[in-house]
Amino acid sequence: MRAVVQRTDKSSVTVNNINIASVGCGLTVLLGVGADDNEADVKYLVEKIVNLRIFPDDQGKMNLSLLDIKGELLVVSQFTLYADCRKGRRPSFDGAAHPDIAKALYMQFITLCESFGIRVACGQFQAEMIVRLDNHGPVTMLLDSKRTF
């Protein structure tokens, strides 16, 4: 499971010109599910993301987590995080999970985040979305549940 985690002042998702989700200060997570991912990958990434100390403390140091600041979370599914562009010019998405499996793990991810008391908004699975965000910093982290980077 892969995630692009961005510290944001606000973010939103629009589908067919309708705003379907928005959050204030917190994190925006683009989440990709791999073909061999399971519940352990979900648990690892959720615990890493909600506890990631990337918000400034009183001295301006990155010392606080999403939980510490009581921030909000926008989660958007993005299978393209599993694009393999090493060969040719057209990406291969063979490493991405089948949509049925990906959706189930995506929903587990959201549910587990909510269990921490976090307000979670989400994109629409398998929809073409417009994601707007104000990346504060900018701060962007790449995470992989298999720890490949």
Protein backbone atom coordinates (compact mmCIF):
# COMPACT_ATOMS: atom_id res chain seq x y z
CA MET A 1 0.00 0.00 0.00
CA ARG A 2 1.38 3.38 -0.96
CA ALA A 3 0.48 6.86 0.20
CA VAL A 4 1.36 10.39 -0.74
CA VAL A 5 0.80 12.35 2.47
CA GLN A 6 0.55 16.12 2.27
CA ARG A 7 0.20 18.58 5.14
CA THR A 8 -2.65 20.83 4.10
CA ASP A 9 -4.51 23.88 5.34
CA LYS A 10 -7.59 22.74 3.41
CA SER A 11 -8.45 20.30 0.65
CA SER A 12 -11.45 19.14 -1.31
CA VAL A 13 -12.68 16.70 -3.94
CA THR A 14 -15.04 17.51 -6.79
CA VAL A 15 -16.80 14.97 -9.02
CA ASN A 16 -18.88 16.16 -11.99
CA ASN A 17 -18.63 19.77 -10.74
CA ILE A 18 -20.06 18.79 -7.33
CA ASN A 19 -17.95 19.18 -4.19
CA ILE A 20 -18.26 15.77 -2.51
CA ALA A 21 -15.69 16.19 0.29
CA SER A 22 -13.69 18.87 2.03
CA VAL A 23 -11.57 19.22 5.14
CA GLY A 24 -9.73 21.96 6.97
CA CYS A 25 -6.27 21.82 8.51
CA GLY A 26 -4.75 18.36 8.52
CA LEU A 27 -3.59 15.86 5.93
CA THR A 28 -4.52 14.93 2.40
CA VAL A 29 -3.66 11.32 1.57
CA LEU A 30 -3.54 9.87 -1.93
CA LEU A 31 -3.81 6.13 -1.33
CA GLY A 32 -2.86 3.31 -3.70
CA VAL A 33 -3.57 -0.34 -2.99
CA GLY A 34 -1.18 -2.98 -4.34
CA ALA A 35 -2.07 -6.43 -5.61
CA ASP A 36 -0.54 -8.15 -2.58
CA ASP A 37 -1.79 -5.77 0.12
CA ASN A 38 -3.87 -6.90 3.08
CA GLU A 39 -5.19 -5.72 6.46
CA ALA A 40 -1.67 -5.59 7.92
CA ASP A 41 -0.72 -3.01 5.28
CA VAL A 42 -3.78 -0.94 6.18
CA LYS A 43 -2.94 -1.04 9.88
CA TYR A 44 0.71 -0.13 9.32
CA LEU A 45 -0.08 2.88 7.11
CA VAL A 46 -2.90 4.22 9.26
CA GLU A 47 -0.83 4.09 12.43
CA LYS A 48 2.13 5.67 10.63
CA ILE A 49 0.04 8.48 9.10
CA VAL A 50 -2.01 9.51 12.15
CA ASN A 51 1.14 9.56 14.31
CA LEU A 52 3.53 11.12 11.77
CA ARG A 53 5.05 14.18 13.46
CA ILE A 54 4.97 16.70 10.62
CA PHE A 55 3.06 19.61 12.19
CA PRO A 56 4.93 22.47 13.88
CA ASP A 57 5.10 22.83 17.66
CA ASP A 58 5.41 26.18 19.48
CA GLN A 59 9.06 26.45 18.39
CA GLY A 60 8.21 25.76 14.74
CA LYS A 61 9.74 22.26 14.74
CA MET A 62 7.94 19.34 13.15
CA ASN A 63 6.97 17.68 16.40
CA LEU A 64 3.19 17.22 16.36
CA SER A 65 0.99 14.60 14.74
CA LEU A 66 -2.46 14.77 13.19
CA LEU A 67 -3.80 13.40 16.47
CA ASP A 68 -1.96 16.07 18.47
CA ILE A 69 -3.44 18.95 16.48
CA LYS A 70 -6.87 17.31 16.16
CA GLY A 71 -6.59 17.74 12.41
CA GLU A 72 -8.80 16.44 9.65
CA LEU A 73 -8.02 13.91 6.95
CA LEU A 74 -8.98 13.71 3.28
CA VAL A 75 -8.36 10.28 1.73
CA VAL A 76 -8.44 9.85 -2.05
CA SER A 77 -7.94 6.51 -3.78
CA GLN A 78 -5.25 6.63 -6.47
CA PHE A 79 -4.33 3.40 -8.21
CA THR A 80 -1.84 5.31 -10.37
CA LEU A 81 0.59 5.19 -7.42
CA TYR A 82 1.28 1.68 -8.70
CA ALA A 83 2.17 2.82 -12.21
CA ASP A 84 5.29 1.14 -13.56
CA CYS A 85 6.90 3.52 -16.04
CA ARG A 86 10.23 1.75 -16.42
CA LYS A 87 9.44 0.23 -19.81
CA GLY A 88 8.08 2.07 -22.81
CA ARG A 89 5.89 5.13 -22.68
CA ARG A 90 2.61 3.74 -21.42
CA PRO A 91 2.48 2.98 -17.70
CA SER A 92 1.60 -0.52 -16.58
CA PHE A 93 -0.78 -0.85 -13.65
CA ASP A 94 -0.31 -4.58 -13.12
CA GLY A 95 0.94 -3.92 -9.58
CA ALA A 96 -2.34 -2.33 -8.50
CA ALA A 97 -4.98 -4.39 -6.72
CA HIS A 98 -8.17 -5.49 -8.45
CA PRO A 99 -10.85 -2.81 -7.84
CA ASP A 100 -12.94 -5.05 -5.54
CA ILE A 101 -9.98 -5.77 -3.28
CA ALA A 102 -8.71 -2.19 -3.48
CA LYS A 103 -12.08 -0.73 -2.49
CA ALA A 104 -12.40 -3.05 0.51
CA LEU A 105 -8.93 -2.11 1.80
CA TYR A 106 -9.55 1.58 1.04
CA MET A 107 -12.73 1.46 3.13
CA GLN A 108 -10.87 -0.36 5.94
CA PHE A 109 -8.26 2.40 5.84
CA ILE A 110 -10.95 5.07 6.27
CA THR A 111 -12.71 3.16 9.06
CA LEU A 112 -9.48 2.63 10.98
CA CYS A 113 -8.60 6.34 10.68
CA GLU A 114 -12.04 7.23 12.04
CA SER A 115 -11.49 4.88 14.99
CA PHE A 116 -8.78 7.29 16.17
CA GLY A 117 -11.43 10.02 16.48
CA ILE A 118 -10.28 11.78 13.33
CA ARG A 119 -12.78 13.51 11.05
CA VAL A 120 -12.27 11.78 7.69
CA ALA A 121 -13.63 12.82 4.30
CA CYS A 122 -12.97 10.80 1.18
CA GLY A 123 -13.04 10.85 -2.57
CA GLN A 124 -15.25 8.66 -4.71
CA PHE A 125 -13.69 5.31 -5.52
CA GLN A 126 -13.10 4.77 -9.29
CA ALA A 127 -14.36 8.24 -10.20
CA GLU A 128 -12.55 10.93 -12.13
CA MET A 129 -11.96 13.55 -9.46
CA ILE A 130 -10.59 17.04 -9.13
CA VAL A 131 -8.51 17.27 -5.95
CA ARG A 132 -7.73 20.75 -4.70
CA LEU A 133 -5.42 21.41 -1.79
CA ASP A 134 -3.36 24.05 -0.09
CA ASN A 135 -0.14 22.21 0.75
CA HIS A 136 1.37 23.93 3.79
CA GLY A 137 5.15 24.05 3.79
CA PRO A 138 5.06 22.43 1.31
CA VAL A 139 5.30 19.17 3.23
CA THR A 140 4.87 15.95 1.24
CA MET A 141 5.85 12.45 2.38
CA LEU A 142 5.88 9.18 0.45
CA LEU A 143 5.02 6.05 2.42
CA ASP A 144 4.97 2.40 1.44
CA SER A 145 3.65 -0.35 3.69
CA LYS A 146 6.27 -2.74 2.27
CA ARG A 147 8.94 -0.18 3.27
CA THR A 148 10.48 -0.14 -0.20
CA PHE A 149 11.23 3.57 0.19
